[in-house]
Amino acid sequence: IGGAHAVLLVQSLAAPRRNVALVRWCLYACAMCGFHASEFLGAAAWRWRDVSFDSWLLNHSVAYGLAFFAAVLEFALEYRLPLKQSAATLRLGVVLVAGGQAV
């Protein structure tokens, strides 16, 4: 899923007329996939005998599912409603995600 979104992100950035919403969605999807992949790799590195499907943290809890749904809903509302979205906010978000992953 992350690879498909990464390809879509590259294509949308290379297009002559960028779809900003598509770029933002692809960045979000890549960040989510990167988070889950790094969590899985961390579990596999330290507890390789216990690694299973549950190690992906996709079925973590009801609270996680609700938080994920809220994030998708927020994206949909921001896309539909005329809210101000700046490139600086997008850049700050990417830096915060990258910093969080590095820690």
N, C-alpha and C. Protein backbone atom coordinates (compact mmCIF):
# COMPACT_ATOMS: atom_id res chain seq x y z
N ILE A 1 0.84 -1.18 0.00
CA ILE A 1 0.00 0.00 0.00
C ILE A 1 0.88 1.24 0.00
N GLY A 2 1.91 1.25 0.83
CA GLY A 2 2.80 2.40 0.88
C GLY A 2 3.52 2.63 -0.43
N GLY A 3 3.96 1.55 -1.06
CA GLY A 3 4.64 1.68 -2.34
C GLY A 3 3.73 2.25 -3.42
N ALA A 4 2.49 1.81 -3.44
CA ALA A 4 1.53 2.33 -4.41
C ALA A 4 1.30 3.82 -4.19
N HIS A 5 1.17 4.23 -2.94
CA HIS A 5 0.98 5.65 -2.66
C HIS A 5 2.24 6.45 -2.98
N ALA A 6 3.40 5.87 -2.77
CA ALA A 6 4.64 6.56 -3.12
C ALA A 6 4.73 6.79 -4.63
N VAL A 7 4.35 5.79 -5.42
CA VAL A 7 4.35 5.94 -6.87
C VAL A 7 3.34 7.00 -7.29
N LEU A 8 2.15 6.97 -6.69
CA LEU A 8 1.12 7.96 -6.98
C LEU A 8 1.60 9.36 -6.59
N LEU A 9 2.31 9.47 -5.49
CA LEU A 9 2.85 10.76 -5.05
C LEU A 9 3.84 11.30 -6.07
N VAL A 10 4.75 10.46 -6.54
CA VAL A 10 5.74 10.90 -7.53
C VAL A 10 5.04 11.33 -8.81
N GLN A 11 4.04 10.55 -9.24
CA GLN A 11 3.31 10.91 -10.46
C GLN A 11 2.58 12.23 -10.29
N SER A 12 1.96 12.44 -9.14
CA SER A 12 1.19 13.68 -8.94
C SER A 12 2.11 14.88 -8.82
N LEU A 13 3.31 14.70 -8.27
CA LEU A 13 4.27 15.80 -8.20
C LEU A 13 4.85 16.13 -9.57
N ALA A 14 4.95 15.13 -10.42
CA ALA A 14 5.52 15.33 -11.76
C ALA A 14 4.49 15.88 -12.75
N ALA A 15 3.21 15.80 -12.42
CA ALA A 15 2.16 16.26 -13.33
C ALA A 15 2.25 17.78 -13.51
N PRO A 16 1.91 18.27 -14.71
CA PRO A 16 1.98 19.71 -14.94
C PRO A 16 1.03 20.50 -14.04
N ARG A 17 -0.13 19.97 -13.74
CA ARG A 17 -1.08 20.63 -12.84
C ARG A 17 -1.26 19.74 -11.63
N ARG A 18 -0.62 20.11 -10.54
CA ARG A 18 -0.64 19.28 -9.34
C ARG A 18 -2.00 19.30 -8.67
N ASN A 19 -2.42 18.13 -8.24
CA ASN A 19 -3.62 18.02 -7.41
C ASN A 19 -3.12 18.03 -5.97
N VAL A 20 -3.22 19.17 -5.32
CA VAL A 20 -2.65 19.34 -3.98
C VAL A 20 -3.28 18.36 -2.99
N ALA A 21 -4.58 18.13 -3.12
CA ALA A 21 -5.25 17.19 -2.21
C ALA A 21 -4.68 15.79 -2.38
N LEU A 22 -4.41 15.39 -3.61
CA LEU A 22 -3.84 14.07 -3.86
C LEU A 22 -2.44 13.98 -3.27
N VAL A 23 -1.65 15.03 -3.42
CA VAL A 23 -0.30 15.05 -2.84
C VAL A 23 -0.38 14.91 -1.33
N ARG A 24 -1.28 15.66 -0.69
CA ARG A 24 -1.42 15.59 0.77
C ARG A 24 -1.86 14.20 1.22
N TRP A 25 -2.82 13.61 0.49
CA TRP A 25 -3.29 12.27 0.86
C TRP A 25 -2.16 11.26 0.73
N CYS A 26 -1.39 11.34 -0.35
CA CYS A 26 -0.29 10.39 -0.55
C CYS A 26 0.78 10.55 0.52
N LEU A 27 1.07 11.79 0.92
CA LEU A 27 2.03 12.00 2.01
C LEU A 27 1.52 11.37 3.30
N TYR A 28 0.23 11.55 3.58
CA TYR A 28 -0.36 10.96 4.78
C TYR A 28 -0.28 9.43 4.72
N ALA A 29 -0.67 8.85 3.59
CA ALA A 29 -0.65 7.39 3.46
C ALA A 29 0.77 6.84 3.57
N CYS A 30 1.73 7.52 2.97
CA CYS A 30 3.13 7.09 3.07
C CYS A 30 3.63 7.18 4.51
N ALA A 31 3.23 8.23 5.23
CA ALA A 31 3.64 8.36 6.63
C ALA A 31 3.03 7.25 7.47
N MET A 32 1.77 6.94 7.24
CA MET A 32 1.13 5.85 8.00
C MET A 32 1.79 4.51 7.70
N CYS A 33 2.04 4.25 6.43
CA CYS A 33 2.69 2.99 6.06
C CYS A 33 4.10 2.92 6.62
N GLY A 34 4.81 4.03 6.58
CA GLY A 34 6.16 4.06 7.15
C GLY A 34 6.15 3.80 8.64
N PHE A 35 5.17 4.39 9.34
CA PHE A 35 5.06 4.17 10.78
C PHE A 35 4.82 2.69 11.07
N HIS A 36 3.86 2.07 10.39
CA HIS A 36 3.54 0.68 10.66
C HIS A 36 4.69 -0.25 10.27
N ALA A 37 5.36 0.07 9.16
CA ALA A 37 6.50 -0.76 8.76
C ALA A 37 7.64 -0.66 9.76
N SER A 38 7.92 0.55 10.26
CA SER A 38 9.01 0.68 11.24
C SER A 38 8.66 0.01 12.56
N GLU A 39 7.41 0.07 12.97
CA GLU A 39 6.99 -0.64 14.18
C GLU A 39 7.15 -2.15 14.01
N PHE A 40 6.77 -2.66 12.84
CA PHE A 40 6.90 -4.10 12.57
C PHE A 40 8.37 -4.50 12.55
N LEU A 41 9.20 -3.70 11.88
CA LEU A 41 10.63 -4.03 11.81
C LEU A 41 11.28 -3.98 13.19
N GLY A 42 10.84 -3.03 14.02
CA GLY A 42 11.34 -2.97 15.39
C GLY A 42 10.97 -4.22 16.18
N ALA A 43 9.71 -4.65 16.02
CA ALA A 43 9.27 -5.87 16.70
C ALA A 43 10.03 -7.09 16.17
N ALA A 44 10.24 -7.12 14.85
CA ALA A 44 10.95 -8.26 14.25
C ALA A 44 12.41 -8.31 14.67
N ALA A 45 13.02 -7.15 14.86
CA ALA A 45 14.43 -7.11 15.23
C ALA A 45 14.64 -7.56 16.68
N TRP A 46 13.73 -7.19 17.56
CA TRP A 46 13.94 -7.46 18.98
C TRP A 46 13.22 -8.71 19.48
N ARG A 47 12.11 -9.04 18.88
CA ARG A 47 11.35 -10.21 19.33
C ARG A 47 10.93 -11.04 18.12
N TRP A 48 11.87 -11.47 17.34
CA TRP A 48 11.60 -12.13 16.08
C TRP A 48 10.82 -13.42 16.23
N ARG A 49 10.89 -14.06 17.36
CA ARG A 49 10.14 -15.31 17.55
C ARG A 49 8.65 -15.05 17.78
N ASP A 50 8.32 -13.85 18.22
CA ASP A 50 6.93 -13.52 18.52
C ASP A 50 6.24 -12.74 17.41
N VAL A 51 6.90 -12.52 16.28
CA VAL A 51 6.33 -11.71 15.20
C VAL A 51 5.18 -12.47 14.55
N SER A 52 4.06 -11.74 14.38
CA SER A 52 2.88 -12.29 13.70
C SER A 52 2.14 -11.15 13.04
N PHE A 53 0.96 -11.44 12.51
CA PHE A 53 0.15 -10.39 11.90
C PHE A 53 -0.17 -9.29 12.90
N ASP A 54 -0.35 -9.64 14.14
CA ASP A 54 -0.65 -8.64 15.17
C ASP A 54 0.50 -7.66 15.38
N SER A 55 1.69 -8.02 14.95
CA SER A 55 2.84 -7.12 15.11
C SER A 55 2.75 -5.90 14.21
N TRP A 56 1.87 -5.93 13.22
CA TRP A 56 1.71 -4.77 12.32
C TRP A 56 0.95 -3.65 13.00
N LEU A 57 0.31 -3.89 14.11
CA LEU A 57 -0.45 -2.90 14.87
C LEU A 57 -1.64 -2.34 14.09
N LEU A 58 -2.08 -3.03 13.06
CA LEU A 58 -3.24 -2.57 12.31
C LEU A 58 -4.54 -2.83 13.06
N ASN A 59 -4.55 -3.86 13.84
CA ASN A 59 -5.74 -4.19 14.63
C ASN A 59 -5.44 -3.94 16.10
N HIS A 60 -4.80 -2.84 16.39
CA HIS A 60 -4.28 -2.53 17.72
C HIS A 60 -5.37 -2.42 18.76
N SER A 61 -6.34 -1.52 18.54
CA SER A 61 -7.40 -1.31 19.52
C SER A 61 -8.53 -0.52 18.87
N VAL A 62 -9.64 -0.45 19.56
CA VAL A 62 -10.76 0.35 19.09
C VAL A 62 -10.36 1.83 19.05
N ALA A 63 -9.61 2.27 20.05
CA ALA A 63 -9.17 3.67 20.09
C ALA A 63 -8.31 4.01 18.88
N TYR A 64 -7.42 3.11 18.47
CA TYR A 64 -6.60 3.36 17.29
C TYR A 64 -7.47 3.45 16.05
N GLY A 65 -8.42 2.54 15.93
CA GLY A 65 -9.33 2.56 14.78
C GLY A 65 -10.12 3.86 14.71
N LEU A 66 -10.58 4.34 15.86
CA LEU A 66 -11.32 5.60 15.90
C LEU A 66 -10.42 6.78 15.55
N ALA A 67 -9.19 6.76 16.02
CA ALA A 67 -8.25 7.84 15.70
C ALA A 67 -7.93 7.85 14.20
N PHE A 68 -7.76 6.68 13.62
CA PHE A 68 -7.50 6.60 12.18
C PHE A 68 -8.71 7.12 11.40
N PHE A 69 -9.91 6.71 11.81
CA PHE A 69 -11.13 7.17 11.14
C PHE A 69 -11.25 8.69 11.27
N ALA A 70 -10.92 9.24 12.43
CA ALA A 70 -10.99 10.70 12.64
C ALA A 70 -10.01 11.42 11.73
N ALA A 71 -8.83 10.85 11.51
CA ALA A 71 -7.84 11.47 10.63
C ALA A 71 -8.32 11.49 9.19
N VAL A 72 -8.92 10.40 8.75
CA VAL A 72 -9.45 10.34 7.38
C VAL A 72 -10.62 11.31 7.23
N LEU A 73 -11.48 11.37 8.24
CA LEU A 73 -12.60 12.30 8.21
C LEU A 73 -12.11 13.75 8.18
N GLU A 74 -11.08 14.05 8.96
CA GLU A 74 -10.51 15.40 8.96
C GLU A 74 -10.00 15.76 7.57
N PHE A 75 -9.32 14.82 6.93
CA PHE A 75 -8.81 15.07 5.58
C PHE A 75 -9.98 15.35 4.62
N ALA A 76 -11.02 14.54 4.70
CA ALA A 76 -12.17 14.71 3.82
C ALA A 76 -12.85 16.07 4.04
N LEU A 77 -12.99 16.46 5.29
CA LEU A 77 -13.62 17.75 5.59
C LEU A 77 -12.77 18.91 5.10
N GLU A 78 -11.46 18.83 5.30
CA GLU A 78 -10.58 19.89 4.83
C GLU A 78 -10.59 19.98 3.31
N TYR A 79 -10.77 18.85 2.65
CA TYR A 79 -10.81 18.84 1.18
C TYR A 79 -12.10 19.48 0.68
N ARG A 80 -13.21 19.21 1.36
CA ARG A 80 -14.52 19.71 0.93
C ARG A 80 -14.81 21.14 1.37
N LEU A 81 -14.34 21.54 2.53
CA LEU A 81 -14.65 22.86 3.05
C LEU A 81 -13.56 23.85 2.63
N PRO A 82 -13.93 25.07 2.40
CA PRO A 82 -12.93 26.07 1.98
C PRO A 82 -12.07 26.57 3.14
N LEU A 83 -11.21 25.72 3.62
CA LEU A 83 -10.32 26.09 4.73
C LEU A 83 -8.96 26.49 4.16
N LYS A 84 -8.28 27.37 4.84
CA LYS A 84 -6.95 27.79 4.39
C LYS A 84 -5.96 26.66 4.65
N GLN A 85 -5.22 26.33 3.63
CA GLN A 85 -4.16 25.34 3.75
C GLN A 85 -2.92 25.94 3.10
N SER A 86 -1.85 26.00 3.84
CA SER A 86 -0.65 26.62 3.29
C SER A 86 0.43 25.57 3.05
N ALA A 87 1.33 25.92 2.15
CA ALA A 87 2.46 25.03 1.88
C ALA A 87 3.36 24.93 3.10
N ALA A 88 3.44 26.01 3.88
CA ALA A 88 4.28 25.99 5.08
C ALA A 88 3.75 24.97 6.09
N THR A 89 2.44 24.89 6.23
CA THR A 89 1.84 23.91 7.15
C THR A 89 2.14 22.49 6.69
N LEU A 90 2.05 22.26 5.38
CA LEU A 90 2.36 20.94 4.84
C LEU A 90 3.83 20.60 5.11
N ARG A 91 4.72 21.54 4.86
CA ARG A 91 6.15 21.28 5.10
C ARG A 91 6.43 21.00 6.57
N LEU A 92 5.80 21.78 7.45
CA LEU A 92 5.98 21.56 8.88
C LEU A 92 5.50 20.17 9.28
N GLY A 93 4.37 19.75 8.74
CA GLY A 93 3.85 18.42 9.03
C GLY A 93 4.79 17.32 8.58
N VAL A 94 5.36 17.47 7.40
CA VAL A 94 6.31 16.46 6.89
C VAL A 94 7.56 16.42 7.78
N VAL A 95 8.04 17.57 8.20
CA VAL A 95 9.22 17.62 9.08
C VAL A 95 8.91 16.96 10.42
N LEU A 96 7.72 17.23 10.98
CA LEU A 96 7.35 16.62 12.26
C LEU A 96 7.22 15.10 12.14
N VAL A 97 6.64 14.62 11.05
CA VAL A 97 6.52 13.16 10.85
C VAL A 97 7.90 12.54 10.73
N ALA A 98 8.77 13.15 9.93
CA ALA A 98 10.13 12.61 9.75
C ALA A 98 10.90 12.64 11.07
N GLY A 99 10.75 13.72 11.82
CA GLY A 99 11.41 13.80 13.13
C GLY A 99 10.89 12.77 14.10
N GLY A 100 9.59 12.56 14.11
CA GLY A 100 9.00 11.55 14.98
C GLY A 100 9.46 10.15 14.63
N GLN A 101 9.60 9.87 13.35
CA GLN A 101 10.08 8.56 12.93
C GLN A 101 11.54 8.37 13.31
N ALA A 102 12.32 9.45 13.22
CA ALA A 102 13.74 9.35 13.55
C ALA A 102 13.96 9.06 15.03
N VAL A 103 13.09 9.60 15.87
CA VAL A 103 13.23 9.40 17.31
C VAL A 103 12.82 7.99 17.61
